[in-house]
Amino acid sequence: MARGRLVGSTAATTIGVLRGVRDLDAPTPCAEFDVRALLGHLLTWGPSLAGAGRGEAVPPLEGVRVGDDWAERVAAQVEDVAAAWGDDAAWEGTTHMGGPTEMPADLVGGMVLVELLVHGWDLGRASGQRPEWDDDVLGFALGEVAKTADQGRAMGVYGAEVVVPDGAPTVDRVLGLTGRDPRWKP
């Protein structure tokens, strides 16, 4: 499956999860965020992620509030990110992610897919849902996280690795590399 389609598939699952979120004050597996703060994070960084897919340096938003229209806003932002990265040309050359530093576009695209997948899982777990991604998405995500996990931990983006059993499902391996416990429950 082309990388652009992988992002679209990942985004569709995340949007499906959004429709099942009810309690904005619920804890999430992402220790620093409850559901409301995680939605704010997605709204804050969404324009930067979409801009990166278009080769534009778009700074993250400031002062984002999660109001009553959060579901429509977050879904629209996720759709915009998926549209920007849906074109396989977005994965070529270099791009910017929220600032002036150029980065390889394929690296940023992989980070975007993982962001959508992991935060979709976070929101799913926080709201009692069990999102599922197809094997192509999970295999790609695992490869991307494996390449960047040490850097992500050094930057404070990922927590310490959570060791999962040999033979664990691919999604559990992705989550463990990002510092999430696949067995987490609210």
N, C-alpha and C. Protein backbone atom coordinates (compact mmCIF):
# COMPACT_ATOMS: atom_id res chain seq x y z
N MET A 1 0.85 -1.18 0.00
CA MET A 1 0.00 0.00 0.00
C MET A 1 0.90 1.24 0.00
N ALA A 2 0.57 2.22 -0.81
CA ALA A 2 1.34 3.46 -0.87
C ALA A 2 1.27 4.20 0.46
N ARG A 3 2.34 4.88 0.78
CA ARG A 3 2.42 5.59 2.08
C ARG A 3 1.28 6.58 2.27
N GLY A 4 0.91 7.27 1.21
CA GLY A 4 -0.20 8.22 1.31
C GLY A 4 -1.50 7.55 1.72
N ARG A 5 -1.73 6.37 1.18
CA ARG A 5 -2.94 5.62 1.55
C ARG A 5 -2.85 5.11 2.98
N LEU A 6 -1.65 4.79 3.43
CA LEU A 6 -1.48 4.35 4.81
C LEU A 6 -1.90 5.45 5.79
N VAL A 7 -1.50 6.69 5.49
CA VAL A 7 -1.90 7.80 6.35
C VAL A 7 -3.41 7.97 6.32
N GLY A 8 -4.01 7.87 5.14
CA GLY A 8 -5.46 8.00 5.03
C GLY A 8 -6.19 6.93 5.82
N SER A 9 -5.70 5.70 5.76
CA SER A 9 -6.30 4.62 6.52
C SER A 9 -6.17 4.85 8.03
N THR A 10 -4.99 5.29 8.43
CA THR A 10 -4.75 5.58 9.85
C THR A 10 -5.67 6.70 10.32
N ALA A 11 -5.79 7.74 9.53
CA ALA A 11 -6.65 8.88 9.89
C ALA A 11 -8.11 8.44 9.99
N ALA A 12 -8.56 7.60 9.09
CA ALA A 12 -9.95 7.15 9.13
C ALA A 12 -10.25 6.41 10.43
N THR A 13 -9.33 5.57 10.87
CA THR A 13 -9.53 4.86 12.14
C THR A 13 -9.55 5.85 13.30
N THR A 14 -8.65 6.81 13.30
CA THR A 14 -8.60 7.81 14.37
C THR A 14 -9.88 8.63 14.40
N ILE A 15 -10.38 9.01 13.25
CA ILE A 15 -11.64 9.77 13.20
C ILE A 15 -12.79 8.91 13.73
N GLY A 16 -12.78 7.63 13.41
CA GLY A 16 -13.80 6.74 13.97
C GLY A 16 -13.74 6.71 15.49
N VAL A 17 -12.54 6.70 16.04
CA VAL A 17 -12.38 6.73 17.49
C VAL A 17 -12.93 8.04 18.06
N LEU A 18 -12.66 9.14 17.40
CA LEU A 18 -13.14 10.43 17.89
C LEU A 18 -14.64 10.44 18.11
N ARG A 19 -15.36 9.76 17.23
CA ARG A 19 -16.83 9.72 17.32
C ARG A 19 -17.32 9.02 18.59
N GLY A 20 -16.46 8.20 19.19
CA GLY A 20 -16.84 7.49 20.41
C GLY A 20 -16.36 8.12 21.69
N VAL A 21 -15.70 9.26 21.61
CA VAL A 21 -15.18 9.94 22.80
C VAL A 21 -16.30 10.76 23.43
N ARG A 22 -16.51 10.57 24.73
CA ARG A 22 -17.56 11.30 25.44
C ARG A 22 -17.03 12.11 26.62
N ASP A 23 -16.09 11.55 27.36
CA ASP A 23 -15.62 12.16 28.60
C ASP A 23 -14.28 12.86 28.35
N LEU A 24 -14.31 14.18 28.29
CA LEU A 24 -13.10 14.95 28.00
C LEU A 24 -12.15 15.02 29.19
N ASP A 25 -12.63 14.65 30.36
CA ASP A 25 -11.78 14.69 31.55
C ASP A 25 -11.16 13.34 31.88
N ALA A 26 -11.42 12.33 31.05
CA ALA A 26 -10.88 10.99 31.31
C ALA A 26 -9.36 10.98 31.14
N PRO A 27 -8.66 10.15 31.92
CA PRO A 27 -7.21 10.00 31.74
C PRO A 27 -6.93 9.25 30.43
N THR A 28 -5.73 9.43 29.92
CA THR A 28 -5.29 8.70 28.72
C THR A 28 -4.00 7.96 29.05
N PRO A 29 -3.60 7.03 28.20
CA PRO A 29 -2.32 6.36 28.41
C PRO A 29 -1.13 7.31 28.28
N CYS A 30 -1.34 8.45 27.67
CA CYS A 30 -0.30 9.48 27.54
C CYS A 30 -0.35 10.29 28.84
N ALA A 31 0.52 9.95 29.79
CA ALA A 31 0.42 10.42 31.17
C ALA A 31 0.27 11.93 31.31
N GLU A 32 0.84 12.71 30.40
CA GLU A 32 0.76 14.16 30.55
C GLU A 32 -0.55 14.75 30.07
N PHE A 33 -1.41 13.95 29.44
CA PHE A 33 -2.66 14.46 28.87
C PHE A 33 -3.89 13.69 29.35
N ASP A 34 -4.93 14.44 29.75
CA ASP A 34 -6.24 13.82 29.80
C ASP A 34 -6.83 13.96 28.39
N VAL A 35 -8.05 13.50 28.17
CA VAL A 35 -8.61 13.53 26.82
C VAL A 35 -8.65 14.95 26.27
N ARG A 36 -9.11 15.91 27.08
CA ARG A 36 -9.20 17.30 26.62
C ARG A 36 -7.83 17.83 26.19
N ALA A 37 -6.81 17.58 26.99
CA ALA A 37 -5.47 18.07 26.66
C ALA A 37 -4.92 17.37 25.41
N LEU A 38 -5.23 16.10 25.26
CA LEU A 38 -4.77 15.38 24.07
C LEU A 38 -5.46 15.93 22.81
N LEU A 39 -6.74 16.21 22.90
CA LEU A 39 -7.44 16.84 21.77
C LEU A 39 -6.83 18.21 21.47
N GLY A 40 -6.50 18.96 22.51
CA GLY A 40 -5.84 20.26 22.32
C GLY A 40 -4.49 20.09 21.64
N HIS A 41 -3.75 19.07 22.01
CA HIS A 41 -2.46 18.76 21.38
C HIS A 41 -2.65 18.51 19.88
N LEU A 42 -3.65 17.70 19.53
CA LEU A 42 -3.91 17.43 18.12
C LEU A 42 -4.29 18.70 17.37
N LEU A 43 -5.10 19.55 17.99
CA LEU A 43 -5.49 20.81 17.34
C LEU A 43 -4.31 21.78 17.23
N THR A 44 -3.44 21.76 18.23
CA THR A 44 -2.28 22.65 18.23
C THR A 44 -1.31 22.29 17.11
N TRP A 45 -1.03 21.00 16.97
CA TRP A 45 -0.01 20.55 16.02
C TRP A 45 -0.55 20.19 14.64
N GLY A 46 -1.86 20.01 14.51
CA GLY A 46 -2.44 19.62 13.24
C GLY A 46 -2.05 20.50 12.06
N PRO A 47 -2.14 21.83 12.19
CA PRO A 47 -1.75 22.68 11.06
C PRO A 47 -0.28 22.51 10.67
N SER A 48 0.60 22.28 11.64
CA SER A 48 2.01 22.06 11.33
C SER A 48 2.21 20.76 10.58
N LEU A 49 1.50 19.72 11.00
CA LEU A 49 1.63 18.42 10.34
C LEU A 49 1.10 18.47 8.92
N ALA A 50 -0.04 19.14 8.73
CA ALA A 50 -0.59 19.29 7.38
C ALA A 50 0.33 20.18 6.54
N GLY A 51 0.83 21.26 7.12
CA GLY A 51 1.76 22.13 6.40
C GLY A 51 3.00 21.39 5.95
N ALA A 52 3.50 20.51 6.80
CA ALA A 52 4.70 19.74 6.44
C ALA A 52 4.43 18.88 5.22
N GLY A 53 3.23 18.32 5.12
CA GLY A 53 2.87 17.52 3.96
C GLY A 53 2.79 18.33 2.68
N ARG A 54 2.61 19.63 2.84
CA ARG A 54 2.54 20.53 1.68
C ARG A 54 3.87 21.28 1.47
N GLY A 55 4.88 20.94 2.27
CA GLY A 55 6.17 21.59 2.15
C GLY A 55 6.20 22.99 2.72
N GLU A 56 5.28 23.29 3.62
CA GLU A 56 5.18 24.63 4.22
C GLU A 56 5.59 24.58 5.69
N ALA A 57 6.28 25.61 6.15
CA ALA A 57 6.64 25.71 7.56
C ALA A 57 5.51 26.45 8.28
N VAL A 58 4.64 25.71 8.94
CA VAL A 58 3.50 26.28 9.65
C VAL A 58 3.75 26.08 11.14
N PRO A 59 3.87 27.16 11.90
CA PRO A 59 4.12 26.98 13.33
C PRO A 59 2.90 26.39 14.03
N PRO A 60 3.12 25.69 15.15
CA PRO A 60 1.97 25.18 15.90
C PRO A 60 1.13 26.34 16.39
N LEU A 61 -0.16 26.10 16.54
CA LEU A 61 -1.07 27.13 17.04
C LEU A 61 -0.81 27.36 18.53
N GLU A 62 -1.19 28.52 18.99
CA GLU A 62 -1.06 28.82 20.42
C GLU A 62 -2.44 29.10 20.99
N GLY A 63 -2.61 28.78 22.26
CA GLY A 63 -3.85 29.11 22.95
C GLY A 63 -5.07 28.37 22.44
N VAL A 64 -4.89 27.15 21.96
CA VAL A 64 -6.00 26.37 21.44
C VAL A 64 -6.91 25.96 22.60
N ARG A 65 -8.19 26.21 22.43
CA ARG A 65 -9.19 25.78 23.42
C ARG A 65 -10.03 24.67 22.81
N VAL A 66 -10.34 23.69 23.63
CA VAL A 66 -11.19 22.59 23.19
C VAL A 66 -12.60 22.92 23.65
N GLY A 67 -13.39 23.47 22.73
CA GLY A 67 -14.77 23.86 23.04
C GLY A 67 -15.76 22.79 22.64
N ASP A 68 -17.02 23.18 22.59
CA ASP A 68 -18.09 22.24 22.28
C ASP A 68 -17.98 21.66 20.87
N ASP A 69 -17.31 22.37 19.98
CA ASP A 69 -17.19 21.91 18.60
C ASP A 69 -15.93 21.07 18.36
N TRP A 70 -15.35 20.54 19.42
CA TRP A 70 -14.07 19.84 19.32
C TRP A 70 -14.11 18.68 18.33
N ALA A 71 -15.19 17.91 18.31
CA ALA A 71 -15.23 16.71 17.46
C ALA A 71 -15.09 17.08 15.99
N GLU A 72 -15.84 18.09 15.57
CA GLU A 72 -15.76 18.52 14.17
C GLU A 72 -14.40 19.12 13.85
N ARG A 73 -13.88 19.90 14.78
CA ARG A 73 -12.59 20.55 14.55
C ARG A 73 -11.45 19.54 14.45
N VAL A 74 -11.43 18.59 15.39
CA VAL A 74 -10.35 17.61 15.37
C VAL A 74 -10.48 16.71 14.15
N ALA A 75 -11.68 16.27 13.83
CA ALA A 75 -11.87 15.42 12.65
C ALA A 75 -11.44 16.15 11.38
N ALA A 76 -11.81 17.42 11.26
CA ALA A 76 -11.42 18.20 10.08
C ALA A 76 -9.90 18.35 10.01
N GLN A 77 -9.26 18.53 11.17
CA GLN A 77 -7.81 18.68 11.19
C GLN A 77 -7.13 17.38 10.80
N VAL A 78 -7.62 16.26 11.31
CA VAL A 78 -7.05 14.96 10.95
C VAL A 78 -7.25 14.70 9.45
N GLU A 79 -8.41 15.04 8.93
CA GLU A 79 -8.65 14.88 7.50
C GLU A 79 -7.69 15.74 6.67
N ASP A 80 -7.42 16.96 7.14
CA ASP A 80 -6.49 17.84 6.42
C ASP A 80 -5.07 17.27 6.44
N VAL A 81 -4.67 16.74 7.57
CA VAL A 81 -3.35 16.11 7.67
C VAL A 81 -3.27 14.92 6.69
N ALA A 82 -4.31 14.10 6.68
CA ALA A 82 -4.33 12.94 5.78
C ALA A 82 -4.31 13.38 4.32
N ALA A 83 -5.02 14.43 4.00
CA ALA A 83 -5.03 14.91 2.61
C ALA A 83 -3.65 15.42 2.21
N ALA A 84 -3.00 16.14 3.10
CA ALA A 84 -1.67 16.68 2.79
C ALA A 84 -0.65 15.57 2.56
N TRP A 85 -0.73 14.51 3.35
CA TRP A 85 0.21 13.40 3.24
C TRP A 85 -0.29 12.30 2.32
N GLY A 86 -1.49 12.44 1.79
CA GLY A 86 -2.06 11.45 0.90
C GLY A 86 -1.42 11.41 -0.47
N ASP A 87 -0.79 12.49 -0.85
CA ASP A 87 -0.07 12.55 -2.11
C ASP A 87 1.33 11.99 -1.88
N ASP A 88 1.68 10.94 -2.60
CA ASP A 88 3.00 10.33 -2.37
C ASP A 88 4.15 11.30 -2.64
N ALA A 89 3.91 12.35 -3.40
CA ALA A 89 4.96 13.34 -3.64
C ALA A 89 5.33 14.08 -2.35
N ALA A 90 4.40 14.13 -1.39
CA ALA A 90 4.68 14.80 -0.11
C ALA A 90 5.82 14.12 0.64
N TRP A 91 6.07 12.86 0.32
CA TRP A 91 7.07 12.07 1.02
C TRP A 91 8.46 12.23 0.42
N GLU A 92 8.60 13.04 -0.60
CA GLU A 92 9.87 13.20 -1.29
C GLU A 92 10.55 14.51 -0.88
N GLY A 93 11.87 14.52 -0.90
CA GLY A 93 12.63 15.73 -0.61
C GLY A 93 12.65 16.05 0.87
N THR A 94 12.57 17.33 1.17
CA THR A 94 12.59 17.79 2.56
C THR A 94 11.35 18.63 2.84
N THR A 95 11.11 18.82 4.12
CA THR A 95 9.98 19.65 4.54
C THR A 95 10.30 20.23 5.92
N HIS A 96 9.36 20.94 6.47
CA HIS A 96 9.50 21.58 7.79
C HIS A 96 8.36 21.08 8.67
N MET A 97 8.67 20.92 9.94
CA MET A 97 7.60 20.55 10.87
C MET A 97 7.53 21.58 11.99
N GLY A 98 6.79 22.62 11.71
CA GLY A 98 6.55 23.64 12.72
C GLY A 98 7.65 24.66 12.89
N GLY A 99 8.70 24.58 12.13
CA GLY A 99 9.79 25.53 12.28
C GLY A 99 10.65 25.57 11.04
N PRO A 100 11.75 26.31 11.12
CA PRO A 100 12.57 26.53 9.92
C PRO A 100 13.50 25.37 9.55
N THR A 101 13.70 24.40 10.46
CA THR A 101 14.64 23.32 10.19
C THR A 101 14.08 22.37 9.14
N GLU A 102 14.89 22.12 8.11
CA GLU A 102 14.48 21.16 7.09
C GLU A 102 14.75 19.74 7.59
N MET A 103 13.81 18.88 7.29
CA MET A 103 13.92 17.47 7.67
C MET A 103 13.53 16.62 6.47
N PRO A 104 14.02 15.39 6.39
CA PRO A 104 13.59 14.52 5.29
C PRO A 104 12.08 14.31 5.35
N ALA A 105 11.41 14.51 4.23
CA ALA A 105 9.95 14.41 4.19
C ALA A 105 9.47 13.02 4.56
N ASP A 106 10.19 11.99 4.15
CA ASP A 106 9.74 10.64 4.48
C ASP A 106 9.84 10.37 5.99
N LEU A 107 10.80 10.98 6.66
CA LEU A 107 10.90 10.86 8.11
C LEU A 107 9.70 11.53 8.78
N VAL A 108 9.39 12.74 8.34
CA VAL A 108 8.26 13.49 8.91
C VAL A 108 6.95 12.77 8.62
N GLY A 109 6.78 12.27 7.40
CA GLY A 109 5.57 11.52 7.07
C GLY A 109 5.38 10.32 7.97
N GLY A 110 6.45 9.61 8.25
CA GLY A 110 6.36 8.47 9.16
C GLY A 110 5.97 8.92 10.56
N MET A 111 6.52 10.03 11.00
CA MET A 111 6.18 10.57 12.32
C MET A 111 4.70 10.96 12.37
N VAL A 112 4.20 11.51 11.29
CA VAL A 112 2.80 11.92 11.22
C VAL A 112 1.89 10.69 11.35
N LEU A 113 2.19 9.65 10.59
CA LEU A 113 1.38 8.44 10.67
C LEU A 113 1.39 7.88 12.09
N VAL A 114 2.56 7.81 12.69
CA VAL A 114 2.66 7.28 14.06
C VAL A 114 1.90 8.17 15.03
N GLU A 115 1.97 9.47 14.87
CA GLU A 115 1.23 10.40 15.72
C GLU A 115 -0.27 10.11 15.66
N LEU A 116 -0.79 9.95 14.47
CA LEU A 116 -2.22 9.68 14.32
C LEU A 116 -2.60 8.33 14.91
N LEU A 117 -1.76 7.33 14.70
CA LEU A 117 -2.05 5.99 15.20
C LEU A 117 -1.98 5.96 16.73
N VAL A 118 -0.90 6.45 17.29
CA VAL A 118 -0.71 6.35 18.73
C VAL A 118 -1.73 7.19 19.48
N HIS A 119 -1.99 8.40 19.02
CA HIS A 119 -2.99 9.21 19.72
C HIS A 119 -4.40 8.70 19.47
N GLY A 120 -4.64 8.06 18.33
CA GLY A 120 -5.92 7.39 18.12
C GLY A 120 -6.10 6.26 19.12
N TRP A 121 -5.02 5.51 19.35
CA TRP A 121 -5.06 4.44 20.35
C TRP A 121 -5.27 5.03 21.75
N ASP A 122 -4.54 6.12 22.07
CA ASP A 122 -4.70 6.77 23.37
C ASP A 122 -6.17 7.14 23.62
N LEU A 123 -6.78 7.80 22.63
CA LEU A 123 -8.17 8.22 22.77
C LEU A 123 -9.11 7.02 22.83
N GLY A 124 -8.78 5.98 22.06
CA GLY A 124 -9.60 4.78 22.11
C GLY A 124 -9.58 4.14 23.49
N ARG A 125 -8.41 3.97 24.02
CA ARG A 125 -8.30 3.37 25.35
C ARG A 125 -8.99 4.23 26.41
N ALA A 126 -8.81 5.53 26.31
CA ALA A 126 -9.41 6.44 27.30
C ALA A 126 -10.93 6.39 27.26
N SER A 127 -11.49 6.02 26.11
CA SER A 127 -12.95 6.01 25.95
C SER A 127 -13.52 4.60 25.85
N GLY A 128 -12.72 3.59 26.20
CA GLY A 128 -13.21 2.23 26.22
C GLY A 128 -13.34 1.58 24.84
N GLN A 129 -12.68 2.12 23.83
CA GLN A 129 -12.73 1.57 22.49
C GLN A 129 -11.44 0.78 22.21
N ARG A 130 -11.52 -0.09 21.24
CA ARG A 130 -10.35 -0.87 20.81
C ARG A 130 -10.14 -0.67 19.31
N PRO A 131 -9.51 0.44 18.95
CA PRO A 131 -9.30 0.67 17.51
C PRO A 131 -8.39 -0.39 16.89
N GLU A 132 -8.63 -0.66 15.62
CA GLU A 132 -7.82 -1.64 14.91
C GLU A 132 -7.35 -1.03 13.59
N TRP A 133 -6.09 -1.28 13.28
CA TRP A 133 -5.50 -0.82 12.03
C TRP A 133 -5.11 -2.04 11.23
N ASP A 134 -5.06 -1.89 9.91
CA ASP A 134 -4.70 -3.05 9.10
C ASP A 134 -3.20 -3.34 9.23
N ASP A 135 -2.83 -4.53 8.80
CA ASP A 135 -1.45 -5.00 8.96
C ASP A 135 -0.45 -4.11 8.24
N ASP A 136 -0.81 -3.56 7.08
CA ASP A 136 0.10 -2.68 6.34
C ASP A 136 0.42 -1.43 7.16
N VAL A 137 -0.60 -0.83 7.77
CA VAL A 137 -0.39 0.36 8.61
C VAL A 137 0.50 0.01 9.79
N LEU A 138 0.19 -1.07 10.48
CA LEU A 138 0.95 -1.44 11.67
C LEU A 138 2.39 -1.80 11.35
N GLY A 139 2.60 -2.51 10.26
CA GLY A 139 3.97 -2.85 9.86
C GLY A 139 4.78 -1.61 9.53
N PHE A 140 4.17 -0.70 8.81
CA PHE A 140 4.86 0.55 8.48
C PHE A 140 5.15 1.34 9.75
N ALA A 141 4.16 1.46 10.63
CA ALA A 141 4.34 2.22 11.87
C ALA A 141 5.47 1.62 12.72
N LEU A 142 5.52 0.31 12.81
CA LEU A 142 6.57 -0.34 13.59
C LEU A 142 7.94 -0.01 13.03
N GLY A 143 8.07 -0.06 11.72
CA GLY A 143 9.36 0.29 11.11
C GLY A 143 9.75 1.72 11.38
N GLU A 144 8.78 2.63 11.31
CA GLU A 144 9.07 4.04 11.56
C GLU A 144 9.45 4.29 13.01
N VAL A 145 8.71 3.70 13.93
CA VAL A 145 9.02 3.90 15.36
C VAL A 145 10.36 3.28 15.70
N ALA A 146 10.65 2.12 15.14
CA ALA A 146 11.93 1.47 15.42
C ALA A 146 13.10 2.35 14.99
N LYS A 147 12.93 3.09 13.88
CA LYS A 147 14.00 3.97 13.38
C LYS A 147 14.18 5.20 14.26
N THR A 148 13.11 5.66 14.92
CA THR A 148 13.18 6.96 15.61
C THR A 148 12.97 6.89 17.12
N ALA A 149 12.80 5.67 17.68
CA ALA A 149 12.46 5.57 19.10
C ALA A 149 13.52 6.19 20.01
N ASP A 150 14.79 5.90 19.76
CA ASP A 150 15.83 6.46 20.62
C ASP A 150 15.84 7.98 20.55
N GLN A 151 15.72 8.52 19.34
CA GLN A 151 15.67 9.98 19.18
C GLN A 151 14.42 10.54 19.87
N GLY A 152 13.29 9.86 19.71
CA GLY A 152 12.06 10.30 20.35
C GLY A 152 12.17 10.33 21.86
N ARG A 153 12.84 9.33 22.44
CA ARG A 153 13.04 9.33 23.89
C ARG A 153 13.97 10.46 24.31
N ALA A 154 15.03 10.68 23.53
CA ALA A 154 15.98 11.75 23.86
C ALA A 154 15.29 13.12 23.81
N MET A 155 14.31 13.27 22.94
CA MET A 155 13.59 14.54 22.81
C MET A 155 12.42 14.65 23.79
N GLY A 156 12.15 13.58 24.53
CA GLY A 156 11.03 13.59 25.47
C GLY A 156 9.68 13.34 24.82
N VAL A 157 9.68 12.94 23.55
CA VAL A 157 8.44 12.67 22.84
C VAL A 157 7.91 11.29 23.23
N TYR A 158 8.81 10.33 23.45
CA TYR A 158 8.45 8.98 23.86
C TYR A 158 8.95 8.74 25.26
N GLY A 159 8.23 7.90 25.98
CA GLY A 159 8.68 7.48 27.29
C GLY A 159 9.64 6.30 27.17
N ALA A 160 10.08 5.81 28.32
CA ALA A 160 10.94 4.64 28.34
C ALA A 160 10.20 3.47 27.69
N GLU A 161 10.95 2.66 26.97
CA GLU A 161 10.33 1.53 26.27
C GLU A 161 9.63 0.61 27.27
N VAL A 162 8.43 0.19 26.90
CA VAL A 162 7.69 -0.82 27.65
C VAL A 162 7.92 -2.14 26.92
N VAL A 163 8.58 -3.07 27.59
CA VAL A 163 8.90 -4.35 26.97
C VAL A 163 7.61 -5.17 26.85
N VAL A 164 7.38 -5.67 25.65
CA VAL A 164 6.21 -6.51 25.41
C VAL A 164 6.70 -7.94 25.14
N PRO A 165 5.85 -8.93 25.37
CA PRO A 165 6.28 -10.32 25.18
C PRO A 165 6.65 -10.62 23.73
N ASP A 166 7.55 -11.58 23.55
CA ASP A 166 7.86 -12.07 22.20
C ASP A 166 6.56 -12.52 21.55
N GLY A 167 6.41 -12.22 20.30
CA GLY A 167 5.20 -12.63 19.59
C GLY A 167 4.00 -11.74 19.85
N ALA A 168 4.20 -10.62 20.56
CA ALA A 168 3.09 -9.70 20.83
C ALA A 168 2.57 -9.14 19.52
N PRO A 169 1.29 -8.76 19.48
CA PRO A 169 0.75 -8.13 18.27
C PRO A 169 1.57 -6.90 17.87
N THR A 170 1.58 -6.62 16.59
CA THR A 170 2.38 -5.50 16.08
C THR A 170 1.99 -4.19 16.76
N VAL A 171 0.71 -3.95 16.97
CA VAL A 171 0.30 -2.70 17.61
C VAL A 171 0.91 -2.59 19.00
N ASP A 172 1.00 -3.69 19.74
CA ASP A 172 1.60 -3.67 21.07
C ASP A 172 3.09 -3.32 20.97
N ARG A 173 3.76 -3.82 19.95
CA ARG A 173 5.18 -3.52 19.77
C ARG A 173 5.38 -2.04 19.44
N VAL A 174 4.50 -1.49 18.61
CA VAL A 174 4.57 -0.05 18.31
C VAL A 174 4.39 0.74 19.60
N LEU A 175 3.36 0.41 20.34
CA LEU A 175 3.06 1.13 21.58
C LEU A 175 4.20 1.02 22.58
N GLY A 176 4.74 -0.19 22.76
CA GLY A 176 5.83 -0.37 23.70
C GLY A 176 7.04 0.48 23.35
N LEU A 177 7.36 0.58 22.06
CA LEU A 177 8.49 1.41 21.64
C LEU A 177 8.26 2.89 21.93
N THR A 178 6.99 3.32 21.94
CA THR A 178 6.71 4.74 22.23
C THR A 178 6.59 5.00 23.73
N GLY A 179 6.74 3.94 24.54
CA GLY A 179 6.67 4.12 25.98
C GLY A 179 5.28 3.91 26.55
N ARG A 180 4.38 3.33 25.76
CA ARG A 180 3.03 3.08 26.24
C ARG A 180 2.88 1.60 26.61
N ASP A 181 2.11 1.37 27.65
CA ASP A 181 1.81 0.01 28.07
C ASP A 181 0.55 -0.44 27.34
N PRO A 182 0.66 -1.42 26.45
CA PRO A 182 -0.51 -1.87 25.69
C PRO A 182 -1.65 -2.39 26.57
N ARG A 183 -1.33 -2.73 27.81
CA ARG A 183 -2.37 -3.24 28.74
C ARG A 183 -3.03 -2.13 29.54
N TRP A 184 -2.69 -0.87 29.26
CA TRP A 184 -3.21 0.26 30.05
C TRP A 184 -4.72 0.28 30.02
N LYS A 185 -5.28 0.57 31.19
CA LYS A 185 -6.73 0.76 31.32
C LYS A 185 -6.97 1.99 32.19
N PRO A 186 -8.06 2.69 31.92
CA PRO A 186 -8.37 3.88 32.76
C PRO A 186 -8.68 3.50 34.19
